[in-house]
């Protein structure tokens, strides 16, 4: 599947270029679409309508609390192109974002799609990185 990534404005817009260079030519960022300042509930509407896989650091709003019920904005959508969350306890510097996003792209290359799923790239306090993939919303498509 060809992913179309939408990079949230909480992340470096250059991630869209990394996605395009990685073979995902329709990838873009919130800023370049003219959606800067949009509320999260508006952004999810744009992402779903245009079939974008949203990439964000703002995981709680889109997936719900970590380890808790999936109550975020993506959980309210009956079908969506997926969610990628970059999670770290450290400041989300440009270098850290690049590194975590590359992990996401590498993992996604092994998957047929991300429909109704979230993929999290989780860096822990020791600097180790783990990948978690789960359905969102829970249940069948």
N, C-alpha and C. Protein backbone atom coordinates (compact mmCIF):
# COMPACT_ATOMS: atom_id res chain seq x y z
N UNK A 1 0.85 -1.19 0.00
CA UNK A 1 0.00 0.00 0.00
C UNK A 1 0.88 1.24 0.00
N UNK A 2 0.41 2.26 -0.65
CA UNK A 2 1.11 3.53 -0.62
C UNK A 2 0.46 4.40 0.44
N UNK A 3 1.24 4.74 1.44
CA UNK A 3 0.74 5.59 2.50
C UNK A 3 0.79 7.05 2.07
N UNK A 4 -0.16 7.81 2.54
CA UNK A 4 -0.16 9.26 2.39
C UNK A 4 -0.08 9.81 3.81
N UNK A 5 1.10 10.25 4.20
CA UNK A 5 1.28 10.74 5.55
C UNK A 5 0.91 12.22 5.65
N UNK A 6 0.24 12.55 6.73
CA UNK A 6 -0.04 13.95 7.09
C UNK A 6 0.69 14.21 8.39
N UNK A 7 1.71 15.07 8.34
CA UNK A 7 2.52 15.37 9.50
C UNK A 7 1.83 16.48 10.30
N UNK A 8 1.52 16.18 11.55
CA UNK A 8 0.85 17.14 12.44
C UNK A 8 1.75 18.35 12.69
N UNK A 9 1.14 19.47 13.03
CA UNK A 9 1.93 20.68 13.23
C UNK A 9 2.78 20.66 14.49
N UNK A 10 2.58 19.68 15.37
CA UNK A 10 3.43 19.54 16.55
C UNK A 10 4.77 18.91 16.20
N UNK A 11 4.93 18.49 14.95
CA UNK A 11 6.17 17.86 14.49
C UNK A 11 6.82 18.73 13.41
N UNK A 12 8.09 18.44 13.15
CA UNK A 12 8.87 19.15 12.15
C UNK A 12 8.30 18.88 10.76
N UNK A 13 7.96 19.91 9.99
CA UNK A 13 7.37 19.71 8.66
C UNK A 13 8.28 18.95 7.71
N UNK A 14 9.59 18.94 7.95
CA UNK A 14 10.52 18.21 7.10
C UNK A 14 10.29 16.71 7.08
N UNK A 15 9.51 16.19 8.04
CA UNK A 15 9.19 14.77 8.01
C UNK A 15 8.41 14.41 6.75
N UNK A 16 7.65 15.36 6.22
CA UNK A 16 6.91 15.10 4.98
C UNK A 16 7.89 14.83 3.84
N UNK A 17 8.99 15.56 3.79
CA UNK A 17 9.99 15.34 2.75
C UNK A 17 10.65 13.97 2.92
N UNK A 18 10.93 13.60 4.17
CA UNK A 18 11.50 12.27 4.43
C UNK A 18 10.54 11.19 3.92
N UNK A 19 9.25 11.38 4.15
CA UNK A 19 8.25 10.42 3.67
C UNK A 19 8.26 10.36 2.14
N UNK A 20 8.29 11.51 1.50
CA UNK A 20 8.32 11.52 0.03
C UNK A 20 9.58 10.84 -0.51
N UNK A 21 10.72 11.12 0.11
CA UNK A 21 11.98 10.48 -0.31
C UNK A 21 11.98 8.98 -0.04
N UNK A 22 11.13 8.52 0.87
CA UNK A 22 11.02 7.10 1.19
C UNK A 22 10.00 6.38 0.32
N UNK A 23 9.44 7.10 -0.65
CA UNK A 23 8.51 6.46 -1.58
C UNK A 23 7.05 6.73 -1.34
N UNK A 24 6.75 7.75 -0.57
CA UNK A 24 5.36 8.10 -0.28
C UNK A 24 5.10 9.51 -0.79
N UNK A 25 4.94 9.66 -2.12
CA UNK A 25 4.95 10.98 -2.76
C UNK A 25 3.79 11.91 -2.41
N UNK A 26 2.70 11.37 -1.90
CA UNK A 26 1.55 12.22 -1.58
C UNK A 26 1.59 12.74 -0.14
N UNK A 27 2.67 12.47 0.56
CA UNK A 27 2.79 12.92 1.95
C UNK A 27 2.96 14.42 2.02
N UNK A 28 2.43 14.99 3.09
CA UNK A 28 2.45 16.44 3.27
C UNK A 28 2.40 16.75 4.76
N UNK A 29 2.33 18.02 5.08
CA UNK A 29 2.22 18.41 6.48
C UNK A 29 1.07 19.40 6.65
N UNK A 30 0.62 19.51 7.87
CA UNK A 30 -0.51 20.38 8.19
C UNK A 30 -0.23 21.81 7.71
N UNK A 31 0.98 22.29 7.95
CA UNK A 31 1.33 23.66 7.55
C UNK A 31 1.16 23.86 6.05
N UNK A 32 1.67 22.92 5.25
CA UNK A 32 1.62 23.08 3.80
C UNK A 32 0.22 22.92 3.22
N UNK A 33 -0.67 22.32 3.97
CA UNK A 33 -2.07 22.20 3.53
C UNK A 33 -2.92 23.39 3.95
N UNK A 34 -2.32 24.31 4.72
CA UNK A 34 -3.07 25.48 5.19
C UNK A 34 -3.95 25.18 6.39
N UNK A 35 -3.64 24.11 7.11
CA UNK A 35 -4.46 23.70 8.24
C UNK A 35 -3.83 24.04 9.58
N UNK A 36 -2.77 24.83 9.59
CA UNK A 36 -2.15 25.21 10.87
C UNK A 36 -3.18 25.90 11.76
N UNK A 37 -3.16 25.56 13.02
CA UNK A 37 -4.09 26.15 13.97
C UNK A 37 -5.43 25.44 14.03
N UNK A 38 -5.64 24.46 13.17
CA UNK A 38 -6.91 23.72 13.20
C UNK A 38 -6.99 22.94 14.52
N UNK A 39 -8.16 22.89 15.07
CA UNK A 39 -8.40 22.08 16.26
C UNK A 39 -8.27 20.60 15.87
N UNK A 40 -7.93 19.77 16.84
CA UNK A 40 -7.73 18.35 16.55
C UNK A 40 -8.97 17.71 15.92
N UNK A 41 -10.16 18.08 16.39
CA UNK A 41 -11.37 17.48 15.81
C UNK A 41 -11.57 17.92 14.35
N UNK A 42 -11.05 19.09 13.97
CA UNK A 42 -11.10 19.51 12.57
C UNK A 42 -10.04 18.77 11.76
N UNK A 43 -8.87 18.61 12.35
CA UNK A 43 -7.77 17.94 11.67
C UNK A 43 -8.12 16.48 11.35
N UNK A 44 -8.78 15.80 12.27
CA UNK A 44 -9.14 14.41 12.01
C UNK A 44 -10.13 14.34 10.84
N UNK A 45 -11.00 15.31 10.71
CA UNK A 45 -11.94 15.36 9.58
C UNK A 45 -11.17 15.47 8.26
N UNK A 46 -10.17 16.38 8.23
CA UNK A 46 -9.34 16.54 7.02
C UNK A 46 -8.61 15.24 6.71
N UNK A 47 -8.01 14.63 7.71
CA UNK A 47 -7.23 13.40 7.51
C UNK A 47 -8.11 12.28 6.97
N UNK A 48 -9.26 12.08 7.58
CA UNK A 48 -10.16 11.00 7.14
C UNK A 48 -10.68 11.28 5.74
N UNK A 49 -11.09 12.51 5.47
CA UNK A 49 -11.66 12.84 4.16
C UNK A 49 -10.64 12.65 3.03
N UNK A 50 -9.37 12.93 3.29
CA UNK A 50 -8.34 12.83 2.25
C UNK A 50 -7.55 11.52 2.33
N UNK A 51 -7.95 10.62 3.22
CA UNK A 51 -7.30 9.31 3.35
C UNK A 51 -5.84 9.41 3.78
N UNK A 52 -5.55 10.36 4.67
CA UNK A 52 -4.20 10.51 5.20
C UNK A 52 -3.99 9.63 6.42
N UNK A 53 -2.78 9.12 6.57
CA UNK A 53 -2.33 8.50 7.81
C UNK A 53 -1.68 9.62 8.61
N UNK A 54 -2.26 9.96 9.73
CA UNK A 54 -1.77 11.08 10.55
C UNK A 54 -0.55 10.64 11.34
N UNK A 55 0.48 11.50 11.33
CA UNK A 55 1.69 11.29 12.12
C UNK A 55 1.73 12.40 13.15
N UNK A 56 1.80 12.03 14.44
CA UNK A 56 1.73 13.02 15.51
C UNK A 56 2.58 12.63 16.70
N UNK A 57 2.86 13.61 17.52
CA UNK A 57 3.46 13.39 18.83
C UNK A 57 2.37 13.51 19.89
N UNK A 58 1.24 14.04 19.48
CA UNK A 58 0.09 14.31 20.35
C UNK A 58 -0.78 13.05 20.44
N UNK A 59 -0.20 11.98 20.91
CA UNK A 59 -0.88 10.68 20.88
C UNK A 59 -2.15 10.65 21.72
N UNK A 60 -2.16 11.27 22.87
CA UNK A 60 -3.30 11.19 23.78
C UNK A 60 -4.59 11.65 23.11
N UNK A 61 -4.55 12.77 22.40
CA UNK A 61 -5.76 13.29 21.78
C UNK A 61 -6.29 12.39 20.67
N UNK A 62 -5.40 11.70 19.99
CA UNK A 62 -5.83 10.90 18.85
C UNK A 62 -6.07 9.44 19.16
N UNK A 63 -5.36 8.86 20.15
CA UNK A 63 -5.58 7.46 20.50
C UNK A 63 -6.18 7.28 21.87
N UNK A 64 -6.11 8.28 22.74
CA UNK A 64 -6.56 8.16 24.12
C UNK A 64 -5.35 7.97 25.03
N UNK A 65 -5.56 7.84 26.33
CA UNK A 65 -4.44 7.72 27.26
C UNK A 65 -3.65 6.43 27.05
N UNK A 66 -2.34 6.51 27.26
CA UNK A 66 -1.48 5.33 27.11
C UNK A 66 -1.93 4.23 28.05
N UNK A 67 -2.09 3.03 27.52
CA UNK A 67 -2.49 1.89 28.33
C UNK A 67 -3.94 1.90 28.75
N UNK A 68 -4.66 2.92 28.37
CA UNK A 68 -6.06 3.03 28.76
C UNK A 68 -6.97 2.73 27.58
N UNK A 69 -8.24 2.99 27.76
CA UNK A 69 -9.18 2.75 26.67
C UNK A 69 -8.88 3.68 25.50
N UNK A 70 -9.12 3.20 24.31
CA UNK A 70 -8.88 4.00 23.11
C UNK A 70 -10.07 4.93 22.88
N UNK A 71 -9.95 6.09 23.49
CA UNK A 71 -11.06 7.05 23.48
C UNK A 71 -10.73 8.31 22.69
N UNK A 72 -9.60 8.32 22.00
CA UNK A 72 -9.20 9.51 21.25
C UNK A 72 -10.01 9.69 19.98
N UNK A 73 -9.65 10.70 19.23
CA UNK A 73 -10.40 11.06 18.02
C UNK A 73 -10.41 9.95 16.97
N UNK A 74 -9.33 9.21 16.83
CA UNK A 74 -9.32 8.11 15.86
C UNK A 74 -10.28 7.00 16.27
N UNK A 75 -10.46 6.79 17.55
CA UNK A 75 -11.37 5.74 18.02
C UNK A 75 -12.82 6.06 17.68
N UNK A 76 -13.11 7.31 17.39
CA UNK A 76 -14.47 7.71 17.05
C UNK A 76 -14.77 7.57 15.56
N UNK A 77 -13.74 7.24 14.78
CA UNK A 77 -13.90 7.11 13.34
C UNK A 77 -14.14 5.64 12.98
N UNK A 78 -15.21 5.34 12.26
CA UNK A 78 -15.47 3.95 11.90
C UNK A 78 -14.41 3.37 10.97
N UNK A 79 -13.81 4.21 10.13
CA UNK A 79 -12.73 3.76 9.26
C UNK A 79 -11.79 4.94 8.99
N UNK A 80 -10.49 4.65 9.06
CA UNK A 80 -9.47 5.69 8.82
C UNK A 80 -8.21 5.03 8.28
N UNK A 81 -7.33 5.83 7.72
CA UNK A 81 -6.11 5.33 7.08
C UNK A 81 -4.97 5.09 8.06
N UNK A 82 -5.21 5.26 9.34
CA UNK A 82 -4.20 4.93 10.34
C UNK A 82 -3.64 6.13 11.07
N UNK A 83 -2.94 5.81 12.13
CA UNK A 83 -2.33 6.80 13.02
C UNK A 83 -0.93 6.33 13.34
N UNK A 84 0.03 7.24 13.24
CA UNK A 84 1.41 6.97 13.66
C UNK A 84 1.74 7.95 14.77
N UNK A 85 2.13 7.41 15.93
CA UNK A 85 2.47 8.23 17.09
C UNK A 85 3.96 8.08 17.39
N UNK A 86 4.65 9.20 17.52
CA UNK A 86 6.05 9.21 17.92
C UNK A 86 6.09 9.62 19.38
N UNK A 87 6.57 8.73 20.23
CA UNK A 87 6.48 8.92 21.68
C UNK A 87 7.87 8.85 22.30
N UNK A 88 8.20 9.85 23.11
CA UNK A 88 9.49 9.88 23.79
C UNK A 88 9.37 10.73 25.05
N UNK A 89 10.09 10.35 26.11
CA UNK A 89 10.10 11.19 27.31
C UNK A 89 11.05 12.38 27.16
N UNK A 90 11.82 12.39 26.08
CA UNK A 90 12.80 13.44 25.85
C UNK A 90 12.23 14.54 24.96
N UNK A 91 12.86 15.70 24.94
CA UNK A 91 12.40 16.76 24.02
C UNK A 91 12.37 16.24 22.59
N UNK A 92 11.33 16.59 21.88
CA UNK A 92 11.12 16.09 20.53
C UNK A 92 11.88 16.97 19.53
N UNK A 93 13.21 16.83 19.58
CA UNK A 93 14.07 17.59 18.68
C UNK A 93 13.88 17.09 17.25
N UNK A 94 14.35 17.87 16.31
CA UNK A 94 14.27 17.48 14.91
C UNK A 94 14.98 16.15 14.68
N UNK A 95 16.17 15.98 15.26
CA UNK A 95 16.90 14.72 15.09
C UNK A 95 16.13 13.54 15.66
N UNK A 96 15.52 13.73 16.83
CA UNK A 96 14.75 12.64 17.44
C UNK A 96 13.54 12.31 16.57
N UNK A 97 12.86 13.32 16.06
CA UNK A 97 11.71 13.07 15.19
C UNK A 97 12.12 12.29 13.95
N UNK A 98 13.23 12.69 13.33
CA UNK A 98 13.72 11.98 12.14
C UNK A 98 13.98 10.52 12.46
N UNK A 99 14.66 10.28 13.57
CA UNK A 99 15.01 8.91 13.95
C UNK A 99 13.75 8.08 14.20
N UNK A 100 12.83 8.59 15.00
CA UNK A 100 11.62 7.84 15.33
C UNK A 100 10.74 7.62 14.10
N UNK A 101 10.66 8.63 13.24
CA UNK A 101 9.85 8.48 12.03
C UNK A 101 10.45 7.45 11.09
N UNK A 102 11.76 7.37 11.04
CA UNK A 102 12.40 6.35 10.20
C UNK A 102 12.09 4.94 10.72
N UNK A 103 12.03 4.79 12.03
CA UNK A 103 11.60 3.50 12.60
C UNK A 103 10.17 3.18 12.13
N UNK A 104 9.31 4.19 12.14
CA UNK A 104 7.92 3.98 11.71
C UNK A 104 7.87 3.55 10.25
N UNK A 105 8.59 4.25 9.40
CA UNK A 105 8.59 3.91 7.98
C UNK A 105 9.12 2.50 7.76
N UNK A 106 10.18 2.17 8.46
CA UNK A 106 10.76 0.83 8.33
C UNK A 106 9.74 -0.24 8.71
N UNK A 107 9.01 -0.03 9.79
CA UNK A 107 7.99 -0.99 10.22
C UNK A 107 6.83 -1.04 9.23
N UNK A 108 6.40 0.11 8.74
CA UNK A 108 5.27 0.15 7.82
C UNK A 108 5.58 -0.55 6.49
N UNK A 109 6.84 -0.60 6.12
CA UNK A 109 7.21 -1.29 4.89
C UNK A 109 6.94 -2.79 4.97
N UNK A 110 6.75 -3.32 6.18
CA UNK A 110 6.44 -4.74 6.36
C UNK A 110 4.94 -5.00 6.45
N UNK A 111 4.14 -3.94 6.39
CA UNK A 111 2.70 -4.06 6.60
C UNK A 111 1.95 -3.74 5.30
N UNK A 112 0.83 -4.43 5.05
CA UNK A 112 0.07 -4.12 3.83
C UNK A 112 -0.65 -2.78 3.92
N UNK A 113 -1.07 -2.38 5.11
CA UNK A 113 -1.74 -1.10 5.31
C UNK A 113 -1.82 -0.83 6.81
N UNK A 114 -2.42 0.28 7.14
CA UNK A 114 -2.59 0.65 8.55
C UNK A 114 -4.06 0.99 8.81
N UNK A 115 -4.94 0.52 7.95
CA UNK A 115 -6.36 0.85 8.07
C UNK A 115 -6.86 0.43 9.45
N UNK A 116 -7.46 1.41 10.13
CA UNK A 116 -8.02 1.22 11.47
C UNK A 116 -7.01 0.66 12.47
N UNK A 117 -5.76 1.08 12.32
CA UNK A 117 -4.71 0.70 13.26
C UNK A 117 -3.87 1.93 13.63
N UNK A 118 -3.22 1.80 14.73
CA UNK A 118 -2.22 2.78 15.14
C UNK A 118 -0.88 2.07 15.25
N UNK A 119 0.16 2.79 14.90
CA UNK A 119 1.52 2.32 15.07
C UNK A 119 2.22 3.35 15.94
N UNK A 120 2.76 2.89 17.05
CA UNK A 120 3.50 3.79 17.93
C UNK A 120 4.97 3.41 17.94
N UNK A 121 5.80 4.41 17.81
CA UNK A 121 7.24 4.25 17.99
C UNK A 121 7.53 4.87 19.34
N UNK A 122 7.93 4.03 20.28
CA UNK A 122 8.03 4.45 21.69
C UNK A 122 9.48 4.35 22.15
N UNK A 123 10.04 5.51 22.44
CA UNK A 123 11.39 5.56 23.01
C UNK A 123 11.23 5.65 24.52
N UNK A 124 11.96 4.79 25.25
CA UNK A 124 11.85 4.85 26.71
C UNK A 124 13.01 5.67 27.29
N UNK A 125 13.04 5.79 28.59
CA UNK A 125 14.03 6.65 29.25
C UNK A 125 15.46 6.15 29.09
N UNK A 126 15.63 4.88 28.74
CA UNK A 126 16.99 4.36 28.50
C UNK A 126 17.43 4.60 27.06
N UNK A 127 16.52 5.09 26.23
CA UNK A 127 16.83 5.32 24.82
C UNK A 127 16.46 4.16 23.92
N UNK A 128 15.97 3.05 24.51
CA UNK A 128 15.52 1.92 23.70
C UNK A 128 14.22 2.29 22.99
N UNK A 129 14.04 1.72 21.80
CA UNK A 129 12.86 2.01 21.00
C UNK A 129 12.08 0.72 20.77
N UNK A 130 10.77 0.81 20.96
CA UNK A 130 9.87 -0.31 20.72
C UNK A 130 8.77 0.14 19.77
N UNK A 131 8.19 -0.82 19.08
CA UNK A 131 7.09 -0.56 18.17
C UNK A 131 5.86 -1.28 18.71
N UNK A 132 4.73 -0.58 18.73
CA UNK A 132 3.46 -1.18 19.11
C UNK A 132 2.45 -0.90 17.99
N UNK A 133 1.72 -1.93 17.60
CA UNK A 133 0.68 -1.81 16.59
C UNK A 133 -0.60 -2.36 17.20
N UNK A 134 -1.69 -1.62 17.07
CA UNK A 134 -2.97 -2.08 17.62
C UNK A 134 -4.12 -1.48 16.84
N UNK A 135 -5.26 -2.14 16.96
CA UNK A 135 -6.49 -1.66 16.27
C UNK A 135 -7.04 -0.43 16.97
N UNK A 136 -7.56 0.46 16.19
CA UNK A 136 -8.22 1.63 16.74
C UNK A 136 -9.27 2.08 15.72
N UNK A 137 -10.53 2.01 15.96
CA UNK A 137 -11.17 1.56 17.19
C UNK A 137 -11.07 0.05 17.36
N UNK A 138 -11.31 -0.40 18.57
CA UNK A 138 -11.32 -1.83 18.85
C UNK A 138 -12.45 -2.49 18.06
N UNK A 139 -12.29 -3.76 17.76
CA UNK A 139 -13.37 -4.49 17.08
C UNK A 139 -13.10 -4.61 15.60
N UNK A 140 -14.08 -5.14 14.89
CA UNK A 140 -13.94 -5.39 13.46
C UNK A 140 -14.15 -4.11 12.66
N UNK A 141 -13.57 -4.11 11.47
CA UNK A 141 -13.75 -2.97 10.56
C UNK A 141 -15.15 -3.02 10.00
